[in-house]
Amino acid sequence: MKITSPYDGDVAGSVDGCDVKGNSTAHFGGVDWSAIQCESGPGASIARAVTGWGETVSPKETQAQELPPQILIVDDARDIREPLAKYLQQSGFRTLLASDAVDARKRLQSNEIDLVVLDVMMPGEDGLSLCRDLRAKSRLPIILLTAMAEETDRVVGLEVGADDYVTKPFSPRELVARIKSVLRRAQGPEMESAEAANSVLAFEGWRFFKARRELLDAGGVLVALSTAEIELLSVFLAHPKAILSRARLLDLAFSRQEGLFDRTIDNQVSRLRRKLGDTAKTPRLIKTVRGGGYIFTADVAVTAP
């Protein structure tokens, strides 16, 4: 029955009643937290908190407090990932570390991750390949760390499914701001009525479940969308048959984040079109308005789930 450090595996403490392993730490609410999972025993699968190392908090006390978001940092450079983890912890996040794609997949399989900060240039499988694979399987928010400053290189990251990107060398403060922004987008609108939030938007055989933030095709098959694609589709469905300029789409879908540009919208629209079976040459659902932006042409019906 031991708790191990997420950095070097040193034994850090014990919890009565189950075998546990510490997997992340963070300073939150004036307390040093370590989120752990019971591997066996009566507390299995219950997340607990540890103040410092070795002093336990009961499951009931833990459940009464909401743990901060857990961020997986994937970077082969230890001198980047470990200082970044400490900065994110000081900013109120829990963190997990991975040095490559193989390590990242292991972390993802055994932990609940709220967002991935992913380095692009890694040995073995690179970040773009891992991002593409993760996006095909889930809507997990992903922010890329890239040393490539060219616009076309950043666009490639967005095209494979990333929700945002930060160019190295980066400001940790800016990265925290982007993490919070992406997490807000992933959580969806907070001020909608219960009825509106649970509604289903139907168009051309497609169904978009607002509460679940899921898109099903005419055959009922779930279509994997990135957080950015969900935000963009939500805006189009809320403004059918209305011309929306690129600047307006940036404001509505991404709150005009610093660093985003009109080309970002063009590429996100292109990716969303492909998911909807549309093409740029003969689009049916999302048409380009010369000099104006884009228009969603389908009728949208609001139905109960």
C-alpha atoms as a PDB file:
ATOM      1  CA  MET A   1       0.000   0.000   0.000  1.00  0.00           C
ATOM      2  CA  LYS A   2       2.141   2.874  -1.194  1.00  0.00           C
ATOM      3  CA  ILE A   3       1.908   6.195  -2.951  1.00  0.00           C
ATOM      4  CA  THR A   4       4.595   6.930  -5.524  1.00  0.00           C
ATOM      5  CA  SER A   5       5.767  10.275  -6.829  1.00  0.00           C
ATOM      6  CA  PRO A   6       4.754  11.101 -10.424  1.00  0.00           C
ATOM      7  CA  TYR A   7       8.310  12.290 -11.112  1.00  0.00           C
ATOM      8  CA  ASP A   8      10.746   9.659  -9.822  1.00  0.00           C
ATOM      9  CA  GLY A   9       8.686   6.837  -8.343  1.00  0.00           C
ATOM     10  CA  ASP A  10       9.819   7.426  -4.746  1.00  0.00           C
ATOM     11  CA  VAL A  11       7.523   5.993  -2.102  1.00  0.00           C
ATOM     12  CA  ALA A  12       5.554   8.848  -0.637  1.00  0.00           C
ATOM     13  CA  GLY A  13       2.978   7.442   1.758  1.00  0.00           C
ATOM     14  CA  SER A  14       0.167   4.957   2.242  1.00  0.00           C
ATOM     15  CA  VAL A  15      -3.589   4.762   2.462  1.00  0.00           C
ATOM     16  CA  ASP A  16      -5.406   2.184   4.540  1.00  0.00           C
ATOM     17  CA  GLY A  17      -7.890  -0.072   2.799  1.00  0.00           C
ATOM     18  CA  CYS A  18      -6.475  -0.239  -0.720  1.00  0.00           C
ATOM     19  CA  ASP A  19      -3.318  -0.366  -2.790  1.00  0.00           C
ATOM     20  CA  VAL A  20      -2.807   3.001  -4.417  1.00  0.00           C
ATOM     21  CA  LYS A  21      -0.434   4.868  -6.646  1.00  0.00           C
ATOM     22  CA  GLY A  22      -0.108   8.670  -6.755  1.00  0.00           C
ATOM     23  CA  ASN A  23      -0.385   9.985 -10.253  1.00  0.00           C
ATOM     24  CA  SER A  24      -0.435  13.780 -10.036  1.00  0.00           C
ATOM     25  CA  THR A  25       0.126  16.692  -7.733  1.00  0.00           C
ATOM     26  CA  ALA A  26      -1.069  20.266  -7.600  1.00  0.00           C
ATOM     27  CA  HIS A  27      -1.260  23.195  -5.233  1.00  0.00           C
ATOM     28  CA  PHE A  28      -4.941  24.097  -5.114  1.00  0.00           C
ATOM     29  CA  GLY A  29      -7.014  25.918  -2.533  1.00  0.00           C
ATOM     30  CA  GLY A  30      -4.022  26.342  -0.249  1.00  0.00           C
ATOM     31  CA  VAL A  31      -3.431  22.564  -0.162  1.00  0.00           C
ATOM     32  CA  ASP A  32      -0.912  20.329  -1.911  1.00  0.00           C
ATOM     33  CA  TRP A  33      -3.084  17.706  -3.561  1.00  0.00           C
ATOM     34  CA  SER A  34      -2.117  14.314  -4.901  1.00  0.00           C
ATOM     35  CA  ALA A  35      -4.866  12.596  -6.874  1.00  0.00           C
ATOM     36  CA  ILE A  36      -4.668   8.836  -6.470  1.00  0.00           C
ATOM     37  CA  GLN A  37      -6.634   5.830  -7.593  1.00  0.00           C
ATOM     38  CA  CYS A  38      -7.170   2.676  -5.584  1.00  0.00           C
ATOM     39  CA  GLU A  39      -5.813  -0.329  -7.451  1.00  0.00           C
ATOM     40  CA  SER A  40      -7.524  -2.791  -5.102  1.00  0.00           C
ATOM     41  CA  GLY A  41      -9.472  -2.944  -1.873  1.00  0.00           C
ATOM     42  CA  PRO A  42     -12.818  -1.478  -0.803  1.00  0.00           C
ATOM     43  CA  GLY A  43     -11.970   1.975  -2.149  1.00  0.00           C
ATOM     44  CA  ALA A  44     -11.195   0.800  -5.650  1.00  0.00           C
ATOM     45  CA  SER A  45     -11.788   3.356  -8.438  1.00  0.00           C
ATOM     46  CA  ILE A  46     -12.500   6.112  -5.910  1.00  0.00           C
ATOM     47  CA  ALA A  47     -10.370   9.214  -6.378  1.00  0.00           C
ATOM     48  CA  ARG A  48      -8.936  10.404  -3.085  1.00  0.00           C
ATOM     49  CA  ALA A  49      -6.827  13.361  -2.098  1.00  0.00           C
ATOM     50  CA  VAL A  50      -3.636  13.447  -0.099  1.00  0.00           C
ATOM     51  CA  THR A  51      -2.454  16.546   1.707  1.00  0.00           C
ATOM     52  CA  GLY A  52       1.324  16.639   1.398  1.00  0.00           C
ATOM     53  CA  TRP A  53       2.613  13.066   1.288  1.00  0.00           C
ATOM     54  CA  GLY A  54       1.103  10.405   3.509  1.00  0.00           C
ATOM     55  CA  GLU A  55      -1.699  12.362   5.224  1.00  0.00           C
ATOM     56  CA  THR A  56      -5.008  11.136   3.832  1.00  0.00           C
ATOM     57  CA  VAL A  57      -8.420  12.659   3.354  1.00  0.00           C
ATOM     58  CA  SER A  58     -11.485  10.405   3.434  1.00  0.00           C
ATOM     59  CA  PRO A  59     -13.398   9.619   0.196  1.00  0.00           C
ATOM     60  CA  LYS A  60     -16.448  11.552   1.424  1.00  0.00           C
ATOM     61  CA  GLU A  61     -14.340  14.650   2.045  1.00  0.00           C
ATOM     62  CA  THR A  62     -12.745  14.274  -1.371  1.00  0.00           C
ATOM     63  CA  GLN A  63     -16.066  13.886  -3.180  1.00  0.00           C
ATOM     64  CA  ALA A  64     -17.301  17.100  -1.564  1.00  0.00           C
ATOM     65  CA  GLN A  65     -14.451  19.018  -3.254  1.00  0.00           C
ATOM     66  CA  GLU A  66     -14.110  19.225  -7.016  1.00  0.00           C
ATOM     67  CA  LEU A  67     -10.614  18.366  -8.168  1.00  0.00           C
ATOM     68  CA  PRO A  68      -9.016  20.833 -10.602  1.00  0.00           C
ATOM     69  CA  PRO A  69      -8.574  19.854 -14.264  1.00  0.00           C
ATOM     70  CA  GLN A  70      -5.837  17.326 -15.012  1.00  0.00           C
ATOM     71  CA  ILE A  71      -3.414  18.233 -17.807  1.00  0.00           C
ATOM     72  CA  LEU A  72      -1.228  15.689 -19.582  1.00  0.00           C
ATOM     73  CA  ILE A  73       2.052  17.246 -20.745  1.00  0.00           C
ATOM     74  CA  VAL A  74       3.711  15.267 -23.547  1.00  0.00           C
ATOM     75  CA  ASP A  75       7.215  16.492 -24.381  1.00  0.00           C
ATOM     76  CA  ASP A  76      10.489  14.611 -24.820  1.00  0.00           C
ATOM     77  CA  ALA A  77      12.451  17.502 -23.275  1.00  0.00           C
ATOM     78  CA  ARG A  78      12.531  17.056 -19.498  1.00  0.00           C
ATOM     79  CA  ASP A  79      13.751  20.632 -19.007  1.00  0.00           C
ATOM     80  CA  ILE A  80      10.478  21.784 -20.589  1.00  0.00           C
ATOM     81  CA  ARG A  81       7.866  19.364 -19.266  1.00  0.00           C
ATOM     82  CA  GLU A  82       8.865  19.392 -15.590  1.00  0.00           C
ATOM     83  CA  PRO A  83       9.122  23.206 -15.120  1.00  0.00           C
ATOM     84  CA  LEU A  84       5.906  23.551 -17.117  1.00  0.00           C
ATOM     85  CA  ALA A  85       4.194  21.012 -14.849  1.00  0.00           C
ATOM     86  CA  LYS A  86       5.219  22.994 -11.781  1.00  0.00           C
ATOM     87  CA  TYR A  87       3.934  26.233 -13.327  1.00  0.00           C
ATOM     88  CA  LEU A  88       0.588  24.647 -14.187  1.00  0.00           C
ATOM     89  CA  GLN A  89       0.335  23.244 -10.669  1.00  0.00           C
ATOM     90  CA  GLN A  90       0.917  26.722  -9.254  1.00  0.00           C
ATOM     91  CA  SER A  91      -1.863  27.926 -11.576  1.00  0.00           C
ATOM     92  CA  GLY A  92      -4.342  25.452 -10.080  1.00  0.00           C
ATOM     93  CA  PHE A  93      -4.083  22.444 -12.377  1.00  0.00           C
ATOM     94  CA  ARG A  94      -3.153  18.834 -11.734  1.00  0.00           C
ATOM     95  CA  THR A  95      -0.545  17.444 -14.094  1.00  0.00           C
ATOM     96  CA  LEU A  96       0.726  14.187 -15.559  1.00  0.00           C
ATOM     97  CA  LEU A  97       3.917  13.853 -17.576  1.00  0.00           C
ATOM     98  CA  ALA A  98       4.838  11.771 -20.614  1.00  0.00           C
ATOM     99  CA  SER A  99       8.076  11.774 -22.585  1.00  0.00           C
ATOM    100  CA  ASP A 100       6.754  10.283 -25.832  1.00  0.00           C
ATOM    101  CA  ALA A 101       3.640   8.992 -27.592  1.00  0.00           C
ATOM    102  CA  VAL A 102       3.918   5.509 -26.094  1.00  0.00           C
ATOM    103  CA  ASP A 103       4.109   6.916 -22.558  1.00  0.00           C
ATOM    104  CA  ALA A 104       1.240   9.308 -23.336  1.00  0.00           C
ATOM    105  CA  ARG A 105      -1.064   6.484 -24.422  1.00  0.00           C
ATOM    106  CA  LYS A 106      -0.345   4.607 -21.193  1.00  0.00           C
ATOM    107  CA  ARG A 107      -1.234   7.705 -19.175  1.00  0.00           C
ATOM    108  CA  LEU A 108      -4.408   8.235 -21.167  1.00  0.00           C
ATOM    109  CA  GLN A 109      -5.538   4.652 -20.680  1.00  0.00           C
ATOM    110  CA  SER A 110      -5.139   4.686 -16.894  1.00  0.00           C
ATOM    111  CA  ASN A 111      -6.099   8.261 -15.958  1.00  0.00           C
ATOM    112  CA  GLU A 112      -8.873  10.774 -16.510  1.00  0.00           C
ATOM    113  CA  ILE A 113      -7.327  13.575 -18.571  1.00  0.00           C
ATOM    114  CA  ASP A 114      -9.069  16.899 -19.211  1.00  0.00           C
ATOM    115  CA  LEU A 115      -6.604  18.333 -21.755  1.00  0.00           C
ATOM    116  CA  VAL A 116      -3.351  17.355 -23.480  1.00  0.00           C
ATOM    117  CA  VAL A 117      -0.442  19.741 -24.057  1.00  0.00           C
ATOM    118  CA  LEU A 118       1.412  17.982 -26.859  1.00  0.00           C
ATOM    119  CA  ASP A 119       4.842  18.683 -28.338  1.00  0.00           C
ATOM    120  CA  VAL A 120       4.963  18.288 -32.117  1.00  0.00           C
ATOM    121  CA  MET A 121       8.635  17.375 -32.646  1.00  0.00           C
ATOM    122  CA  MET A 122       9.237  14.169 -30.683  1.00  0.00           C
ATOM    123  CA  PRO A 123      11.357  11.103 -31.484  1.00  0.00           C
ATOM    124  CA  GLY A 124       9.435   8.088 -32.703  1.00  0.00           C
ATOM    125  CA  GLU A 125       5.783   8.926 -33.304  1.00  0.00           C
ATOM    126  CA  ASP A 126       5.504  12.703 -33.543  1.00  0.00           C
ATOM    127  CA  GLY A 127       2.876  14.914 -31.969  1.00  0.00           C
ATOM    128  CA  LEU A 128       0.889  15.414 -35.167  1.00  0.00           C
ATOM    129  CA  SER A 129       0.447  11.661 -35.591  1.00  0.00           C
ATOM    130  CA  LEU A 130      -0.609  11.235 -31.963  1.00  0.00           C
ATOM    131  CA  CYS A 131      -2.983  14.198 -32.241  1.00  0.00           C
ATOM    132  CA  ARG A 132      -4.600  12.750 -35.361  1.00  0.00           C
ATOM    133  CA  ASP A 133      -5.065   9.376 -33.667  1.00  0.00           C
ATOM    134  CA  LEU A 134      -6.519  10.862 -30.479  1.00  0.00           C
ATOM    135  CA  ARG A 135      -8.929  13.042 -32.423  1.00  0.00           C
ATOM    136  CA  ALA A 136     -10.207  10.059 -34.387  1.00  0.00           C
ATOM    137  CA  LYS A 137     -11.161   8.379 -31.114  1.00  0.00           C
ATOM    138  CA  SER A 138     -12.283  11.211 -28.831  1.00  0.00           C
ATOM    139  CA  ARG A 139     -12.997  14.922 -28.345  1.00  0.00           C
ATOM    140  CA  LEU A 140     -10.227  15.316 -25.761  1.00  0.00           C
ATOM    141  CA  PRO A 141      -8.959  18.920 -25.992  1.00  0.00           C
ATOM    142  CA  ILE A 142      -5.422  19.171 -27.403  1.00  0.00           C
ATOM    143  CA  ILE A 143      -3.005  22.111 -27.480  1.00  0.00           C
ATOM    144  CA  LEU A 144       0.122  21.691 -29.602  1.00  0.00           C
ATOM    145  CA  LEU A 145       3.556  22.998 -28.658  1.00  0.00           C
ATOM    146  CA  THR A 146       5.449  23.703 -31.843  1.00  0.00           C
ATOM    147  CA  ALA A 147       8.780  25.258 -32.764  1.00  0.00           C
ATOM    148  CA  MET A 148       7.465  25.804 -36.285  1.00  0.00           C
ATOM    149  CA  ALA A 149       6.555  29.459 -36.676  1.00  0.00           C
ATOM    150  CA  GLU A 150       5.274  29.397 -40.251  1.00  0.00           C
ATOM    151  CA  GLU A 151       1.519  29.841 -40.641  1.00  0.00           C
ATOM    152  CA  THR A 152       1.214  26.773 -42.868  1.00  0.00           C
ATOM    153  CA  ASP A 153       2.860  24.609 -40.196  1.00  0.00           C
ATOM    154  CA  ARG A 154       0.473  25.842 -37.512  1.00  0.00           C
ATOM    155  CA  VAL A 155      -2.478  25.264 -39.831  1.00  0.00           C
ATOM    156  CA  VAL A 156      -1.420  21.632 -40.288  1.00  0.00           C
ATOM    157  CA  GLY A 157      -1.738  21.188 -36.523  1.00  0.00           C
ATOM    158  CA  LEU A 158      -5.266  22.531 -36.563  1.00  0.00           C
ATOM    159  CA  GLU A 159      -6.146  20.376 -39.554  1.00  0.00           C
ATOM    160  CA  VAL A 160      -5.197  17.141 -37.756  1.00  0.00           C
ATOM    161  CA  GLY A 161      -7.538  18.042 -34.905  1.00  0.00           C
ATOM    162  CA  ALA A 162      -5.724  20.282 -32.419  1.00  0.00           C
ATOM    163  CA  ASP A 163      -7.867  22.849 -30.623  1.00  0.00           C
ATOM    164  CA  ASP A 164      -5.066  25.398 -30.323  1.00  0.00           C
ATOM    165  CA  TYR A 165      -1.306  25.766 -30.593  1.00  0.00           C
ATOM    166  CA  VAL A 166       1.507  27.665 -28.880  1.00  0.00           C
ATOM    167  CA  THR A 167       4.802  28.426 -30.626  1.00  0.00           C
ATOM    168  CA  LYS A 168       8.085  27.790 -28.810  1.00  0.00           C
ATOM    169  CA  PRO A 169       9.589  29.601 -27.034  1.00  0.00           C
ATOM    170  CA  PHE A 170       6.296  30.348 -25.314  1.00  0.00           C
ATOM    171  CA  SER A 171       5.091  32.238 -22.293  1.00  0.00           C
ATOM    172  CA  PRO A 172       3.744  29.868 -19.609  1.00  0.00           C
ATOM    173  CA  ARG A 173       1.240  32.559 -18.716  1.00  0.00           C
ATOM    174  CA  GLU A 174      -0.088  32.591 -22.285  1.00  0.00           C
ATOM    175  CA  LEU A 175      -0.308  28.798 -22.284  1.00  0.00           C
ATOM    176  CA  VAL A 176      -2.363  28.859 -19.068  1.00  0.00           C
ATOM    177  CA  ALA A 177      -4.727  31.389 -20.654  1.00  0.00           C
ATOM    178  CA  ARG A 178      -5.138  29.166 -23.711  1.00  0.00           C
ATOM    179  CA  ILE A 179      -5.696  26.068 -21.573  1.00  0.00           C
ATOM    180  CA  LYS A 180      -8.468  27.836 -19.668  1.00  0.00           C
ATOM    181  CA  SER A 181     -10.024  29.069 -22.911  1.00  0.00           C
ATOM    182  CA  VAL A 182     -10.010  25.614 -24.532  1.00  0.00           C
ATOM    183  CA  LEU A 183     -11.426  24.015 -21.381  1.00  0.00           C
ATOM    184  CA  ARG A 184     -14.242  26.596 -21.324  1.00  0.00           C
ATOM    185  CA  ARG A 185     -15.070  25.809 -24.936  1.00  0.00           C
ATOM    186  CA  ALA A 186     -15.019  22.093 -24.229  1.00  0.00           C
ATOM    187  CA  GLN A 187     -17.495  22.506 -21.382  1.00  0.00           C
ATOM    188  CA  GLY A 188     -19.958  24.344 -23.619  1.00  0.00           C
ATOM    189  CA  PRO A 189     -22.422  27.132 -22.755  1.00  0.00           C
ATOM    190  CA  GLU A 190     -23.258  27.512 -19.067  1.00  0.00           C
ATOM    191  CA  MET A 191     -26.193  29.882 -19.154  1.00  0.00           C
ATOM    192  CA  GLU A 192     -28.633  28.000 -21.378  1.00  0.00           C
ATOM    193  CA  SER A 193     -31.963  26.812 -20.058  1.00  0.00           C
ATOM    194  CA  ALA A 194     -32.173  23.117 -19.238  1.00  0.00           C
ATOM    195  CA  GLU A 195     -34.604  22.559 -22.105  1.00  0.00           C
ATOM    196  CA  ALA A 196     -32.394  24.328 -24.641  1.00  0.00           C
ATOM    197  CA  ALA A 197     -29.230  22.643 -23.388  1.00  0.00           C
ATOM    198  CA  ASN A 198     -30.794  19.185 -23.783  1.00  0.00           C
ATOM    199  CA  SER A 199     -32.282  19.777 -27.222  1.00  0.00           C
ATOM    200  CA  VAL A 200     -31.305  18.027 -30.435  1.00  0.00           C
ATOM    201  CA  LEU A 201     -30.626  20.032 -33.596  1.00  0.00           C
ATOM    202  CA  ALA A 202     -31.589  18.125 -36.738  1.00  0.00           C
ATOM    203  CA  PHE A 203     -30.506  19.049 -40.289  1.00  0.00           C
ATOM    204  CA  GLU A 204     -30.279  17.083 -43.553  1.00  0.00           C
ATOM    205  CA  GLY A 205     -30.451  13.759 -41.715  1.00  0.00           C
ATOM    206  CA  TRP A 206     -27.821  14.755 -39.176  1.00  0.00           C
ATOM    207  CA  ARG A 207     -28.488  15.155 -35.437  1.00  0.00           C
ATOM    208  CA  PHE A 208     -26.441  17.269 -33.038  1.00  0.00           C
ATOM    209  CA  PHE A 209     -27.020  16.570 -29.332  1.00  0.00           C
ATOM    210  CA  LYS A 210     -26.247  19.805 -27.517  1.00  0.00           C
ATOM    211  CA  ALA A 211     -25.954  18.410 -24.012  1.00  0.00           C
ATOM    212  CA  ARG A 212     -23.639  15.589 -25.088  1.00  0.00           C
ATOM    213  CA  ARG A 213     -21.976  17.763 -27.755  1.00  0.00           C
ATOM    214  CA  GLU A 214     -22.168  14.813 -30.149  1.00  0.00           C
ATOM    215  CA  LEU A 215     -22.929  14.632 -33.873  1.00  0.00           C
ATOM    216  CA  LEU A 216     -24.658  11.576 -35.367  1.00  0.00           C
ATOM    217  CA  ASP A 217     -25.004  10.950 -39.074  1.00  0.00           C
ATOM    218  CA  ALA A 218     -28.140   9.692 -40.827  1.00  0.00           C
ATOM    219  CA  GLY A 219     -27.253   6.119 -39.889  1.00  0.00           C
ATOM    220  CA  GLY A 220     -26.873   6.979 -36.205  1.00  0.00           C
ATOM    221  CA  VAL A 221     -23.064   6.697 -36.303  1.00  0.00           C
ATOM    222  CA  LEU A 222     -21.124   9.044 -34.028  1.00  0.00           C
ATOM    223  CA  VAL A 223     -18.833  11.412 -35.936  1.00  0.00           C
ATOM    224  CA  ALA A 224     -15.678  12.418 -34.052  1.00  0.00           C
ATOM    225  CA  LEU A 225     -15.308  16.198 -33.882  1.00  0.00           C
ATOM    226  CA  SER A 226     -12.647  18.316 -32.237  1.00  0.00           C
ATOM    227  CA  THR A 227     -13.667  20.917 -29.666  1.00  0.00           C
ATOM    228  CA  ALA A 228     -13.036  23.640 -32.235  1.00  0.00           C
ATOM    229  CA  GLU A 229     -15.229  21.873 -34.804  1.00  0.00           C
ATOM    230  CA  ILE A 230     -18.011  21.490 -32.250  1.00  0.00           C
ATOM    231  CA  GLU A 231     -17.860  25.198 -31.459  1.00  0.00           C
ATOM    232  CA  LEU A 232     -17.950  26.124 -35.130  1.00  0.00           C
ATOM    233  CA  LEU A 233     -20.836  23.759 -35.899  1.00  0.00           C
ATOM    234  CA  SER A 234     -22.743  25.094 -32.877  1.00  0.00           C
ATOM    235  CA  VAL A 235     -22.419  28.622 -34.243  1.00  0.00           C
ATOM    236  CA  PHE A 236     -23.638  27.607 -37.708  1.00  0.00           C
ATOM    237  CA  LEU A 237     -26.598  25.714 -36.237  1.00  0.00           C
ATOM    238  CA  ALA A 238     -27.508  28.732 -34.109  1.00  0.00           C
ATOM    239  CA  HIS A 239     -27.402  31.023 -37.177  1.00  0.00           C
ATOM    240  CA  PRO A 240     -28.773  29.012 -40.130  1.00  0.00           C
ATOM    241  CA  LYS A 241     -29.080  30.813 -43.478  1.00  0.00           C
ATOM    242  CA  ALA A 242     -27.248  33.842 -42.130  1.00  0.00           C
ATOM    243  CA  ILE A 243     -24.038  35.166 -43.661  1.00  0.00           C
ATOM    244  CA  LEU A 244     -21.291  35.085 -41.014  1.00  0.00           C
ATOM    245  CA  SER A 245     -18.023  36.871 -41.689  1.00  0.00           C
ATOM    246  CA  ARG A 246     -14.740  35.285 -40.644  1.00  0.00           C
ATOM    247  CA  ALA A 247     -14.339  37.922 -37.949  1.00  0.00           C
ATOM    248  CA  ARG A 248     -17.832  37.156 -36.641  1.00  0.00           C
ATOM    249  CA  LEU A 249     -17.107  33.418 -36.604  1.00  0.00           C
ATOM    250  CA  LEU A 250     -13.887  34.069 -34.676  1.00  0.00           C
ATOM    251  CA  ASP A 251     -15.851  36.080 -32.119  1.00  0.00           C
ATOM    252  CA  LEU A 252     -18.693  33.588 -31.744  1.00  0.00           C
ATOM    253  CA  ALA A 253     -16.747  30.333 -31.868  1.00  0.00           C
ATOM    254  CA  PHE A 254     -13.401  31.255 -30.349  1.00  0.00           C
ATOM    255  CA  SER A 255     -13.980  34.540 -28.485  1.00  0.00           C
ATOM    256  CA  ARG A 256     -11.425  36.172 -30.808  1.00  0.00           C
ATOM    257  CA  GLN A 257      -8.440  34.515 -29.129  1.00  0.00           C
ATOM    258  CA  GLU A 258      -5.089  36.162 -29.596  1.00  0.00           C
ATOM    259  CA  GLY A 259      -3.095  34.451 -32.329  1.00  0.00           C
ATOM    260  CA  LEU A 260      -6.091  33.173 -34.271  1.00  0.00           C
ATOM    261  CA  PHE A 261      -6.585  34.530 -37.767  1.00  0.00           C
ATOM    262  CA  ASP A 262      -8.978  34.326 -40.700  1.00  0.00           C
ATOM    263  CA  ARG A 263      -7.006  31.431 -42.170  1.00  0.00           C
ATOM    264  CA  THR A 264      -7.804  29.465 -39.000  1.00  0.00           C
ATOM    265  CA  ILE A 265     -11.522  29.761 -39.737  1.00  0.00           C
ATOM    266  CA  ASP A 266     -10.999  28.687 -43.364  1.00  0.00           C
ATOM    267  CA  ASN A 267      -9.187  25.545 -42.290  1.00  0.00           C
ATOM    268  CA  GLN A 268     -11.655  24.682 -39.536  1.00  0.00           C
ATOM    269  CA  VAL A 269     -14.524  25.127 -42.014  1.00  0.00           C
ATOM    270  CA  SER A 270     -12.686  22.865 -44.467  1.00  0.00           C
ATOM    271  CA  ARG A 271     -12.298  20.157 -41.810  1.00  0.00           C
ATOM    272  CA  LEU A 272     -15.934  20.482 -40.717  1.00  0.00           C
ATOM    273  CA  ARG A 273     -17.105  20.239 -44.328  1.00  0.00           C
ATOM    274  CA  ARG A 274     -15.257  16.942 -44.741  1.00  0.00           C
ATOM    275  CA  LYS A 275     -16.854  15.566 -41.593  1.00  0.00           C
ATOM    276  CA  LEU A 276     -20.275  16.539 -42.978  1.00  0.00           C
ATOM    277  CA  GLY A 277     -19.563  14.987 -46.375  1.00  0.00           C
ATOM    278  CA  ASP A 278     -19.268  18.391 -48.031  1.00  0.00           C
ATOM    279  CA  THR A 279     -16.628  19.475 -50.545  1.00  0.00           C
ATOM    280  CA  ALA A 280     -15.104  22.892 -51.136  1.00  0.00           C
ATOM    281  CA  LYS A 281     -15.976  22.816 -54.859  1.00  0.00           C
ATOM    282  CA  THR A 282     -19.636  21.840 -54.464  1.00  0.00           C
ATOM    283  CA  PRO A 283     -20.620  22.450 -50.826  1.00  0.00           C
ATOM    284  CA  ARG A 284     -24.228  21.762 -49.845  1.00  0.00           C
ATOM    285  CA  LEU A 285     -24.304  22.725 -46.182  1.00  0.00           C
ATOM    286  CA  ILE A 286     -21.572  25.336 -45.641  1.00  0.00           C
ATOM    287  CA  LYS A 287     -21.165  27.650 -48.606  1.00  0.00           C
ATOM    288  CA  THR A 288     -18.555  30.339 -49.105  1.00  0.00           C
ATOM    289  CA  VAL A 289     -19.872  33.850 -49.657  1.00  0.00           C
ATOM    290  CA  ARG A 290     -17.410  35.787 -51.776  1.00  0.00           C
ATOM    291  CA  GLY A 291     -16.175  38.729 -49.744  1.00  0.00           C
ATOM    292  CA  GLY A 292     -18.619  37.899 -46.979  1.00  0.00           C
ATOM    293  CA  GLY A 293     -17.622  34.729 -45.165  1.00  0.00           C
ATOM    294  CA  TYR A 294     -19.774  31.619 -44.861  1.00  0.00           C
ATOM    295  CA  ILE A 295     -23.444  30.625 -44.730  1.00  0.00           C
ATOM    296  CA  PHE A 296     -25.029  27.443 -43.344  1.00  0.00           C
ATOM    297  CA  THR A 297     -27.746  26.669 -45.876  1.00  0.00           C
ATOM    298  CA  ALA A 298     -29.699  23.811 -44.256  1.00  0.00           C
ATOM    299  CA  ASP A 299     -32.942  24.124 -42.328  1.00  0.00           C
ATOM    300  CA  VAL A 300     -32.373  23.370 -38.639  1.00  0.00           C
ATOM    301  CA  ALA A 301     -35.130  21.796 -36.538  1.00  0.00           C
ATOM    302  CA  VAL A 302     -35.029  21.782 -32.744  1.00  0.00           C
ATOM    303  CA  THR A 303     -36.350  18.551 -31.256  1.00  0.00           C
ATOM    304  CA  ALA A 304     -36.452  16.828 -27.898  1.00  0.00           C
ATOM    305  CA  PRO A 305     -33.716  14.234 -27.209  1.00  0.00           C
END
